[in-house]
Amino acid sequence: MTPASEHDDTVVPATTTVAQAPPAPAFATSPAQQQQPPLMKRHLRTMTSTEEIDSTINRPGSVKINVQGAFIVDPDTSTPASGGGGATAVAAAAHANANANNGRVSPSSHPETSDIRLPNHTAVVSHIAIDIGGSLAKLVYFSREVDSTDPGGRLNFQNFETDRIDDCLEYMRHLRDNQLMLNGSQPGELCVMATGGGAYKFYDKIREALGVNVNVLREDEMECLIIGLDFFITEIPREVFTYSESDPMQFVPPRDNIYPYLLVNIGSGVSFLKVTGPRSYQRVGGTSLGGGTLWGLLSMLTGARTFDEMLDLAGHGDNAKVDMLVGDIYGTDYGKIGLKSTTIASSFGKVFRMKREAESAAEDSPVPHDSESSFSGADVSRSLLYAISNNIGQIAYLQSQIHSLSNIYFGGSFIRGHRQTINTLSYAIKFWSQGEKQAYFLRHEGYLGSVGAFLKRQPRNWGRRGSLEGMEEMSEWRRSQREAEVSASTA
């Protein structure tokens, strides 16, 4: 039986949900920025030295990102996407080439409005990062606040369906062509830090699309996930949160002591990673029943075609019309073992009975009957979402129990800021652990890998909290371990 006994309708702020209409441009100024002081009182952005530019170009991805004072730019503080020139025009051109239709961005392109402002970063950034998974390609890039005299810039987030990778490459071409405006570097100096399975599958295609002058570096997927998550946990305020029925969204302040923890990365499939230190991790398990399963089955069972349409359907469905609940079996709660009447006893357990009853009715009456009249595609969507989320939640609990881990972080584009998914995962951990373990979620849950790739080549002790401290020692230790294993095998 699964613990999906209660799923309230408290809405999680949609900070990372996919926007269907063109969002505020990633480079737009906030209302506060628009109200600038008189010209004589303005202070120009700190200039980057020639030495810094040369160093960045020669060692792409090695620039030290200054995250001091970083914060998430909430959607309601962004300027509408109707500005004129500058970087705003860059964003507009990119969106136009994403095949805009009737004022809506193509379903293959999903712009994010929750950029991360880096007010104190002034150095040139000559690289972008992309995490290409089985279903989605997640892009991260830095842009200056070109319409403002304030220093710094922001991290921008964009994703595309992987089966429409050409739209993503077109967007990257626009970033390449506008590097000078966005970041202060030349188009030929762009470097792409790529991770995920698509970094290998589409490697030649990326190089062909962006040109021979663009360097494409492939980074390890699991390491990038850990680096990205560590960055969000330790550096970004109002990023990590907990969720419960009584207290829907409570932010957790950035902190230093984060290890050990379990990362549950839910993409097309699911990986469970035990993390004990910076770049020190072990993949302890996985399951093939993930976001790709939900997407594939609902493509066959409903009329929905995009993942967001499916989540929207689930939001309007009633799984009790499809699932067999404890109350359907006992007529009430099963309090002796802690099961409420609304607990799911069998996912899709009512469907076979409905089919059989419909067939019997058809035999007794010449009037045609709709065998699915008692439930809808929305009901099916909600049931399947609960089934997959509950399964992931229970496996996450079991892995955390086996490895004595109390903190469980859920990441991946499957979650998408969707309240029912978050509530189900959180409730599952609380139910199975009897409140002894804590589930954590992120506002940029789908961008752990791409942010990790963006930051992977950071030097030691970057940022405020030194969240990658010791990574050189860890690499040296791993090399020595591999050498020892080789020596042992040849002895």
Protein backbone atom coordinates (compact mmCIF):
# COMPACT_ATOMS: atom_id res chain seq x y z
CA MET A 1 0.00 0.00 0.00
CA THR A 2 1.17 3.49 -0.69
CA PRO A 3 1.04 6.45 1.70
CA ALA A 4 -0.68 8.89 -0.64
CA SER A 5 -3.42 9.37 1.87
CA GLU A 6 -3.75 13.11 1.78
CA HIS A 7 -2.87 15.55 -0.96
CA ASP A 8 -3.98 19.07 -0.19
CA ASP A 9 -4.42 21.79 -2.77
CA THR A 10 -2.10 24.36 -1.24
CA VAL A 11 -0.28 25.94 -4.14
CA VAL A 12 3.50 26.02 -4.23
CA PRO A 13 4.70 29.35 -5.66
CA ALA A 14 5.38 28.66 -9.32
CA THR A 15 8.91 29.95 -9.38
CA THR A 16 10.22 27.26 -11.69
CA THR A 17 7.15 26.09 -13.52
CA VAL A 18 7.24 26.33 -17.28
CA ALA A 19 5.95 29.55 -18.76
CA GLN A 20 3.79 29.27 -21.86
CA ALA A 21 3.94 32.93 -22.78
CA PRO A 22 7.20 34.81 -23.37
CA PRO A 23 8.65 35.65 -19.96
CA ALA A 24 10.44 38.72 -18.82
CA PRO A 25 13.78 38.76 -20.62
CA ALA A 26 16.63 37.35 -18.65
CA PHE A 27 18.44 40.63 -19.01
CA ALA A 28 15.62 43.02 -18.13
CA THR A 29 15.95 45.50 -15.33
CA SER A 30 13.81 45.35 -12.26
CA PRO A 31 11.54 48.25 -11.25
CA ALA A 32 14.10 49.26 -8.67
CA GLN A 33 16.78 49.39 -11.34
CA GLN A 34 14.64 51.52 -13.62
CA GLN A 35 14.40 54.26 -10.99
CA GLN A 36 18.05 55.22 -11.32
CA PRO A 37 19.65 58.26 -9.71
CA PRO A 38 20.72 61.25 -11.81
CA LEU A 39 23.54 60.59 -14.23
CA MET A 40 26.14 62.46 -12.18
CA LYS A 41 25.51 60.16 -9.20
CA ARG A 42 25.72 56.88 -11.10
CA HIS A 43 28.69 54.60 -10.60
CA LEU A 44 29.83 52.67 -13.63
CA ARG A 45 30.34 48.94 -13.44
CA THR A 46 33.76 47.78 -12.31
CA MET A 47 35.80 47.19 -15.44
CA THR A 48 37.42 43.84 -16.16
CA SER A 49 41.14 43.89 -16.81
CA THR A 50 42.74 42.58 -19.99
CA GLU A 51 44.57 39.99 -17.92
CA GLU A 52 41.28 38.68 -16.53
CA ILE A 53 39.79 38.45 -20.01
CA ASP A 54 42.81 36.59 -21.40
CA SER A 55 42.83 34.20 -18.45
CA THR A 56 39.14 33.44 -18.85
CA ILE A 57 39.43 32.82 -22.57
CA ASN A 58 42.47 30.59 -22.19
CA ARG A 59 40.89 28.59 -19.36
CA PRO A 60 37.17 28.46 -20.19
CA GLY A 61 34.95 27.64 -17.26
CA SER A 62 37.63 28.51 -14.71
CA VAL A 63 36.40 32.00 -13.87
CA LYS A 64 35.63 32.46 -10.19
CA ILE A 65 31.94 33.31 -9.91
CA ASN A 66 31.36 35.88 -7.19
CA VAL A 67 28.15 34.77 -5.47
CA GLN A 68 28.26 37.28 -2.64
CA GLY A 69 24.82 38.82 -2.23
CA ALA A 70 23.23 36.41 -4.73
CA PHE A 71 19.46 36.19 -4.73
CA ILE A 72 16.63 34.76 -6.81
CA VAL A 73 14.80 37.24 -9.02
CA ASP A 74 11.14 36.44 -8.43
CA PRO A 75 8.78 36.74 -11.42
CA ASP A 76 6.88 39.69 -9.98
CA THR A 77 10.06 41.78 -9.92
CA SER A 78 10.82 41.33 -13.60
CA THR A 79 10.09 43.78 -16.37
CA PRO A 80 7.59 42.69 -19.05
CA ALA A 81 9.19 41.37 -22.20
CA SER A 82 8.36 44.37 -24.31
CA GLY A 83 11.55 46.38 -24.08
CA GLY A 84 13.56 47.78 -26.90
CA GLY A 85 17.18 47.11 -27.65
CA GLY A 86 20.20 45.79 -25.86
CA ALA A 87 20.12 42.36 -24.33
CA THR A 88 16.34 42.48 -24.34
CA ALA A 89 16.46 42.29 -28.11
CA VAL A 90 18.75 39.28 -27.83
CA ALA A 91 16.18 37.47 -25.74
CA ALA A 92 13.38 38.47 -28.09
CA ALA A 93 15.31 37.19 -31.11
CA ALA A 94 16.05 33.91 -29.38
CA HIS A 95 12.41 33.42 -28.44
CA ALA A 96 11.30 34.30 -31.96
CA ASN A 97 13.57 31.60 -33.32
CA ALA A 98 12.05 29.13 -30.85
CA ASN A 99 9.04 29.08 -33.20
CA ALA A 100 6.65 31.36 -31.35
CA ASN A 101 3.03 30.56 -32.15
CA ASN A 102 0.14 32.96 -31.53
CA GLY A 103 2.14 34.87 -28.97
CA ARG A 104 3.10 31.70 -27.10
CA VAL A 105 6.54 30.16 -26.99
CA SER A 106 6.82 26.83 -28.77
CA PRO A 107 6.23 23.82 -26.48
CA SER A 108 9.79 22.74 -27.23
CA SER A 109 11.15 25.81 -25.43
CA HIS A 110 10.49 26.46 -21.76
CA PRO A 111 11.82 29.83 -20.52
CA GLU A 112 12.33 30.22 -16.79
CA THR A 113 11.60 33.48 -14.97
CA SER A 114 13.45 32.70 -11.76
CA ASP A 115 16.89 33.99 -12.70
CA ILE A 116 19.59 34.26 -10.05
CA ARG A 117 21.03 37.74 -9.65
CA LEU A 118 24.78 37.96 -9.03
CA PRO A 119 25.19 41.65 -8.10
CA ASN A 120 28.90 41.43 -7.34
CA HIS A 121 30.21 39.37 -10.23
CA THR A 122 32.08 41.58 -12.70
CA ALA A 123 34.53 39.23 -14.43
CA VAL A 124 34.05 38.08 -18.00
CA VAL A 125 32.22 34.76 -18.40
CA SER A 126 33.00 33.08 -21.71
CA HIS A 127 31.10 29.83 -21.22
CA ILE A 128 27.57 28.47 -21.05
CA ALA A 129 26.45 25.11 -19.68
CA ILE A 130 23.93 22.56 -20.84
CA ASP A 131 22.63 19.33 -19.34
CA ILE A 132 21.03 17.16 -22.02
CA GLY A 133 18.90 14.35 -20.62
CA GLY A 134 16.59 11.83 -22.20
CA SER A 135 13.60 14.18 -22.15
CA LEU A 136 14.84 17.74 -21.60
CA ALA A 137 17.90 19.85 -22.32
CA LYS A 138 18.59 22.40 -19.55
CA LEU A 139 20.62 25.49 -20.42
CA VAL A 140 22.35 27.92 -18.03
CA TYR A 141 24.18 31.09 -19.05
CA PHE A 142 25.39 34.34 -17.53
CA SER A 143 24.39 37.80 -18.75
CA ARG A 144 25.38 41.30 -17.71
CA GLU A 145 22.86 43.87 -16.53
CA VAL A 146 23.52 45.82 -19.71
CA ASP A 147 20.62 48.23 -19.23
CA SER A 148 21.84 49.22 -15.79
CA THR A 149 24.86 50.97 -14.36
CA ASP A 150 24.84 48.48 -11.51
CA PRO A 151 27.65 45.92 -11.57
CA GLY A 152 27.07 42.22 -11.85
CA GLY A 153 24.66 40.14 -13.87
CA ARG A 154 22.54 37.06 -13.55
CA LEU A 155 22.31 33.36 -14.23
CA ASN A 156 19.58 32.61 -16.76
CA PHE A 157 17.73 29.31 -17.11
CA GLN A 158 16.08 27.81 -20.19
CA ASN A 159 15.02 24.30 -21.15
CA PHE A 160 13.98 22.50 -24.32
CA GLU A 161 12.56 19.12 -25.19
CA THR A 162 15.46 16.88 -26.17
CA ASP A 163 13.69 15.54 -29.24
CA ARG A 164 13.69 19.14 -30.51
CA ILE A 165 17.35 19.72 -29.82
CA ASP A 166 17.63 21.88 -32.94
CA ASP A 167 15.58 24.60 -31.21
CA CYS A 168 18.03 24.51 -28.33
CA LEU A 169 21.01 24.77 -30.68
CA GLU A 170 19.40 27.74 -32.41
CA TYR A 171 19.06 29.46 -29.04
CA MET A 172 22.71 28.70 -28.29
CA ARG A 173 23.71 30.20 -31.63
CA HIS A 174 22.05 33.46 -30.60
CA LEU A 175 23.96 33.37 -27.33
CA ARG A 176 27.17 32.80 -29.26
CA ASP A 177 26.49 35.67 -31.64
CA ASN A 178 25.69 38.07 -28.81
CA GLN A 179 28.44 37.16 -26.36
CA LEU A 180 29.98 40.64 -26.42
CA MET A 181 26.69 42.25 -25.44
CA LEU A 182 25.82 39.63 -22.85
CA ASN A 183 29.14 38.91 -21.19
CA GLY A 184 31.90 41.03 -22.66
CA SER A 185 33.54 38.24 -24.67
CA GLN A 186 33.70 37.66 -28.41
CA PRO A 187 31.50 35.08 -30.24
CA GLY A 188 34.51 32.94 -31.12
CA GLU A 189 35.50 32.77 -27.46
CA LEU A 190 32.39 30.90 -26.33
CA CYS A 191 32.89 27.58 -24.58
CA VAL A 192 30.10 25.06 -23.93
CA MET A 193 30.28 22.96 -20.77
CA ALA A 194 28.05 19.97 -21.59
CA THR A 195 26.86 17.16 -19.34
CA GLY A 196 24.23 14.43 -19.36
CA GLY A 197 23.91 11.61 -21.87
CA GLY A 198 23.20 14.10 -24.65
CA ALA A 199 26.64 15.65 -24.18
CA TYR A 200 27.94 12.52 -25.90
CA LYS A 201 24.99 11.72 -28.14
CA PHE A 202 24.81 15.24 -29.60
CA TYR A 203 28.48 16.20 -29.28
CA ASP A 204 29.14 16.35 -33.03
CA LYS A 205 25.84 18.10 -33.66
CA ILE A 206 26.63 20.80 -31.09
CA ARG A 207 30.04 21.44 -32.63
CA GLU A 208 28.57 21.54 -36.12
CA ALA A 209 25.82 23.96 -35.08
CA LEU A 210 28.05 26.36 -33.15
CA GLY A 211 31.14 26.24 -35.34
CA VAL A 212 34.67 24.97 -34.97
CA ASN A 213 35.73 28.00 -32.93
CA VAL A 214 33.40 27.02 -30.09
CA ASN A 215 35.01 24.61 -27.66
CA VAL A 216 32.70 21.89 -26.26
CA LEU A 217 33.84 20.27 -23.01
CA ARG A 218 32.02 17.21 -21.67
CA GLU A 219 31.64 16.92 -17.92
CA ASP A 220 30.70 13.95 -15.73
CA GLU A 221 26.95 13.92 -15.09
CA MET A 222 26.93 12.72 -11.49
CA GLU A 223 29.68 15.11 -10.39
CA CYS A 224 27.82 18.01 -11.96
CA LEU A 225 24.64 17.09 -10.09
CA ILE A 226 26.47 17.15 -6.76
CA ILE A 227 28.29 20.41 -7.47
CA GLY A 228 25.06 22.07 -8.57
CA LEU A 229 23.14 20.91 -5.52
CA ASP A 230 25.95 21.91 -3.13
CA PHE A 231 25.93 25.37 -4.71
CA PHE A 232 22.21 25.82 -4.19
CA ILE A 233 22.27 24.48 -0.63
CA THR A 234 25.21 26.57 0.56
CA GLU A 235 25.02 29.76 -1.48
CA ILE A 236 21.52 30.77 -2.59
CA PRO A 237 18.95 32.16 -0.12
CA ARG A 238 15.30 31.10 -0.52
CA GLU A 239 16.28 28.23 -2.81
CA VAL A 240 15.85 25.11 -0.67
CA PHE A 241 12.54 24.47 1.07
CA THR A 242 10.56 21.85 2.96
CA TYR A 243 6.92 21.03 2.34
CA SER A 244 4.11 19.64 4.47
CA GLU A 245 0.33 19.71 4.53
CA SER A 246 0.20 22.04 7.53
CA ASP A 247 3.11 24.26 6.44
CA PRO A 248 3.29 24.14 2.63
CA MET A 249 6.57 25.95 1.98
CA GLN A 250 9.30 26.76 4.48
CA PHE A 251 12.63 28.01 3.15
CA VAL A 252 15.85 26.64 4.63
CA PRO A 253 18.69 29.19 5.00
CA PRO A 254 22.02 28.47 3.26
CA ARG A 255 24.24 26.42 5.54
CA ASP A 256 27.72 24.96 5.73
CA ASN A 257 27.31 21.52 7.29
CA ILE A 258 25.36 19.67 4.64
CA TYR A 259 26.93 16.20 4.50
CA PRO A 260 26.02 13.41 4.35
CA TYR A 261 22.80 13.43 2.34
CA LEU A 262 20.87 11.47 -0.27
CA LEU A 263 20.18 13.06 -3.65
CA VAL A 264 17.21 11.67 -5.54
CA ASN A 265 17.53 12.93 -9.09
CA ILE A 266 14.30 12.35 -11.00
CA GLY A 267 14.59 12.78 -14.73
CA SER A 268 13.48 10.30 -17.38
CA GLY A 269 14.72 7.68 -14.93
CA VAL A 270 15.79 8.03 -11.29
CA SER A 271 19.22 7.92 -9.64
CA PHE A 272 19.91 7.74 -5.90
CA LEU A 273 23.24 9.25 -4.86
CA LYS A 274 24.81 9.04 -1.42
CA VAL A 275 26.92 12.17 -0.95
CA THR A 276 29.47 12.33 1.88
CA GLY A 277 31.54 15.35 0.86
CA PRO A 278 32.49 17.69 -2.01
CA ARG A 279 32.66 15.46 -5.08
CA SER A 280 32.56 12.40 -2.82
CA TYR A 281 29.55 10.33 -3.80
CA GLN A 282 28.27 6.87 -4.63
CA ARG A 283 25.34 5.94 -6.83
CA VAL A 284 23.57 3.52 -4.53
CA GLY A 285 20.59 2.72 -6.72
CA GLY A 286 18.12 3.75 -9.36
CA THR A 287 14.82 2.92 -10.99
CA SER A 288 13.56 3.08 -14.56
CA LEU A 289 10.15 4.29 -13.35
CA GLY A 290 10.57 8.05 -13.56
CA GLY A 291 9.47 11.09 -15.51
CA GLY A 292 9.82 9.29 -18.82
CA THR A 293 7.41 6.62 -17.58
CA LEU A 294 4.78 9.19 -16.69
CA TRP A 295 5.26 11.03 -19.97
CA GLY A 296 5.14 7.87 -22.07
CA LEU A 297 2.12 6.24 -20.44
CA LEU A 298 0.06 9.42 -20.34
CA SER A 299 0.87 10.02 -24.01
CA MET A 300 -0.91 6.75 -24.70
CA LEU A 301 -3.71 7.08 -22.14
CA THR A 302 -4.67 10.75 -22.55
CA GLY A 303 -4.73 13.44 -25.20
CA ALA A 304 -1.90 15.36 -23.51
CA ARG A 305 1.32 15.71 -25.46
CA THR A 306 3.61 17.86 -23.34
CA PHE A 307 4.75 17.17 -19.80
CA ASP A 308 3.16 20.37 -18.56
CA GLU A 309 -0.19 19.46 -20.11
CA MET A 310 -0.01 16.18 -18.21
CA LEU A 311 0.76 17.92 -14.92
CA ASP A 312 -2.13 20.29 -15.58
CA LEU A 313 -4.44 17.33 -16.19
CA ALA A 314 -3.29 15.72 -12.95
CA GLY A 315 -4.11 18.92 -11.11
CA HIS A 316 -7.76 18.63 -12.15
CA GLY A 317 -8.18 14.88 -11.67
CA ASP A 318 -9.55 12.69 -8.88
CA ASN A 319 -7.48 9.56 -8.37
CA ALA A 320 -10.21 8.03 -6.15
CA LYS A 321 -12.16 7.31 -9.34
CA VAL A 322 -9.31 5.12 -10.59
CA ASP A 323 -7.38 3.90 -7.54
CA MET A 324 -8.67 1.37 -5.03
CA LEU A 325 -8.42 2.98 -1.60
CA VAL A 326 -8.31 1.46 1.88
CA GLY A 327 -11.83 2.78 2.39
CA ASP A 328 -13.03 0.85 -0.66
CA ILE A 329 -11.87 -2.38 1.00
CA TYR A 330 -12.63 -1.80 4.68
CA GLY A 331 -15.29 0.86 4.40
CA THR A 332 -13.34 2.99 6.87
CA ASP A 333 -9.81 3.65 8.16
CA TYR A 334 -7.55 0.76 9.13
CA GLY A 335 -6.36 2.58 12.22
CA LYS A 336 -4.62 -0.40 13.80
CA ILE A 337 -1.80 -0.18 11.26
CA GLY A 338 -2.06 3.57 10.66
CA LEU A 339 -3.85 3.59 7.30
CA LYS A 340 -6.51 6.19 6.56
CA SER A 341 -9.48 5.41 4.36
CA THR A 342 -7.98 7.64 1.66
CA THR A 343 -4.70 5.68 1.50
CA ILE A 344 -4.12 4.10 -1.91
CA ALA A 345 -4.34 0.32 -1.61
CA SER A 346 -3.97 -0.40 -5.33
CA SER A 347 -3.11 2.07 -8.09
CA PHE A 348 -5.63 1.75 -10.95
CA GLY A 349 -7.33 -0.94 -8.86
CA LYS A 350 -10.86 0.13 -9.79
CA VAL A 351 -10.37 0.12 -13.54
CA PHE A 352 -10.72 -3.64 -14.09
CA ARG A 353 -13.99 -3.67 -12.14
CA MET A 354 -15.36 -0.77 -14.17
CA LYS A 355 -14.41 -2.51 -17.40
CA ARG A 356 -16.07 -5.73 -16.29
CA GLU A 357 -19.25 -3.95 -15.20
CA ALA A 358 -19.37 -2.07 -18.49
CA GLU A 359 -18.98 -5.31 -20.46
CA SER A 360 -21.76 -6.96 -18.44
CA ALA A 361 -24.02 -3.97 -19.02
CA ALA A 362 -23.29 -4.12 -22.74
CA GLU A 363 -24.31 -7.78 -22.87
CA ASP A 364 -27.60 -7.04 -21.10
CA SER A 365 -28.51 -3.98 -23.16
CA PRO A 366 -28.29 -3.25 -26.88
CA VAL A 367 -27.57 0.41 -26.05
CA PRO A 368 -23.82 1.15 -26.33
CA HIS A 369 -22.05 2.04 -23.08
CA ASP A 370 -18.87 4.03 -22.64
CA SER A 371 -16.62 1.80 -20.56
CA GLU A 372 -14.60 4.80 -19.41
CA SER A 373 -17.50 7.12 -18.62
CA SER A 374 -16.84 6.92 -14.86
CA PHE A 375 -13.31 8.37 -15.04
CA SER A 376 -11.44 10.87 -17.18
CA GLY A 377 -7.97 11.44 -18.53
CA ALA A 378 -7.38 13.86 -15.68
CA ASP A 379 -8.21 11.12 -13.16
CA VAL A 380 -5.81 8.74 -14.90
CA SER A 381 -3.09 11.41 -14.89
CA ARG A 382 -3.43 12.03 -11.19
CA SER A 383 -3.42 8.33 -10.37
CA LEU A 384 -0.29 7.65 -12.39
CA LEU A 385 1.48 10.71 -10.96
CA TYR A 386 0.77 9.43 -7.45
CA ALA A 387 1.85 5.89 -8.34
CA ILE A 388 5.24 6.96 -9.69
CA SER A 389 5.86 9.59 -7.00
CA ASN A 390 4.95 7.18 -4.20
CA ASN A 391 7.23 4.52 -5.65
CA ILE A 392 10.14 6.97 -5.83
CA GLY A 393 9.44 8.22 -2.32
CA GLN A 394 9.43 4.73 -0.84
CA ILE A 395 12.66 3.73 -2.60
CA ALA A 396 14.25 6.99 -1.42
CA TYR A 397 13.27 6.16 2.15
CA LEU A 398 14.67 2.63 1.87
CA GLN A 399 17.97 3.89 0.44
CA SER A 400 18.26 6.51 3.17
CA GLN A 401 17.54 3.84 5.78
CA ILE A 402 20.15 1.45 4.39
CA HIS A 403 22.82 4.16 4.34
CA SER A 404 21.80 5.96 7.56
CA LEU A 405 20.99 9.26 5.86
CA SER A 406 18.51 11.69 7.41
CA ASN A 407 18.46 14.45 4.78
CA ILE A 408 16.96 13.66 1.38
CA TYR A 409 17.10 16.18 -1.49
CA PHE A 410 14.81 15.73 -4.47
CA GLY A 411 15.95 17.18 -7.79
CA GLY A 412 15.23 16.76 -11.48
CA SER A 413 12.80 18.12 -14.04
CA PHE A 414 10.12 15.58 -13.13
CA ILE A 415 9.21 17.69 -10.09
CA ARG A 416 8.83 20.99 -11.96
CA GLY A 417 7.58 22.85 -8.86
CA HIS A 418 4.37 20.80 -9.06
CA ARG A 419 2.59 20.83 -5.70
CA GLN A 420 1.05 17.35 -5.98
CA THR A 421 4.40 15.77 -6.82
CA ILE A 422 6.16 17.63 -4.01
CA ASN A 423 3.43 16.83 -1.51
CA THR A 424 3.44 13.14 -2.43
CA LEU A 425 7.22 12.80 -2.11
CA SER A 426 7.31 14.75 1.14
CA TYR A 427 4.42 12.78 2.62
CA ALA A 428 6.00 9.46 1.59
CA ILE A 429 9.27 10.27 3.40
CA LYS A 430 7.42 11.45 6.49
CA PHE A 431 5.09 8.42 6.46
CA TRP A 432 7.72 5.72 6.03
CA SER A 433 10.30 7.30 8.36
CA GLN A 434 7.67 8.27 10.95
CA GLY A 435 8.97 11.81 10.80
CA GLU A 436 12.62 10.92 11.43
CA LYS A 437 13.86 11.93 7.96
CA GLN A 438 13.42 15.21 6.11
CA ALA A 439 12.65 15.74 2.43
CA TYR A 440 14.03 18.91 0.82
CA PHE A 441 13.10 20.50 -2.51
CA LEU A 442 14.58 23.26 -4.67
CA ARG A 443 13.19 26.05 -6.79
CA HIS A 444 15.71 25.23 -9.55
CA GLU A 445 15.39 21.48 -9.12
CA GLY A 446 15.79 20.76 -12.84
CA TYR A 447 19.08 22.62 -13.21
CA LEU A 448 21.42 20.83 -10.80
CA GLY A 449 23.44 19.27 -13.61
CA SER A 450 23.71 22.33 -15.82
CA VAL A 451 24.60 24.63 -12.91
CA GLY A 452 27.15 22.06 -11.77
CA ALA A 453 28.69 22.02 -15.24
CA PHE A 454 28.73 25.82 -15.25
CA LEU A 455 30.62 25.86 -11.95
CA LYS A 456 32.64 22.66 -12.12
CA ARG A 457 35.99 24.18 -12.99
CA GLN A 458 35.92 26.63 -10.11
CA PRO A 459 39.16 27.02 -8.14
CA ARG A 460 39.32 26.04 -4.49
CA ASN A 461 37.33 27.95 -1.88
CA TRP A 462 35.16 29.83 -4.38
CA GLY A 463 32.12 31.69 -3.15
CA ARG A 464 31.21 32.62 0.39
CA ARG A 465 31.21 29.18 1.91
CA GLY A 466 33.92 27.24 0.10
CA SER A 467 31.43 24.55 -0.85
CA LEU A 468 33.94 22.81 -3.13
CA GLU A 469 36.82 22.95 -0.70
CA GLY A 470 39.05 19.90 -0.92
CA MET A 471 38.14 18.94 -4.48
CA GLU A 472 41.81 18.83 -5.57
CA GLU A 473 42.64 16.50 -2.70
CA MET A 474 39.63 14.37 -3.60
CA SER A 475 40.78 14.08 -7.23
CA GLU A 476 44.28 13.11 -6.09
CA TRP A 477 42.84 10.51 -3.71
CA ARG A 478 40.74 9.01 -6.49
CA ARG A 479 43.75 8.82 -8.80
CA SER A 480 45.75 7.01 -6.14
CA GLN A 481 42.85 4.60 -5.57
CA ARG A 482 42.65 3.79 -9.28
CA GLU A 483 46.41 3.24 -9.45
CA ALA A 484 46.23 0.94 -6.44
CA GLU A 485 43.42 -1.07 -8.05
CA VAL A 486 45.40 -1.41 -11.29
CA SER A 487 48.49 -2.54 -9.38
CA ALA A 488 46.45 -5.09 -7.42
CA SER A 489 44.86 -6.51 -10.57
CA THR A 490 48.21 -6.96 -12.34
CA ALA A 491 50.03 -8.39 -9.34
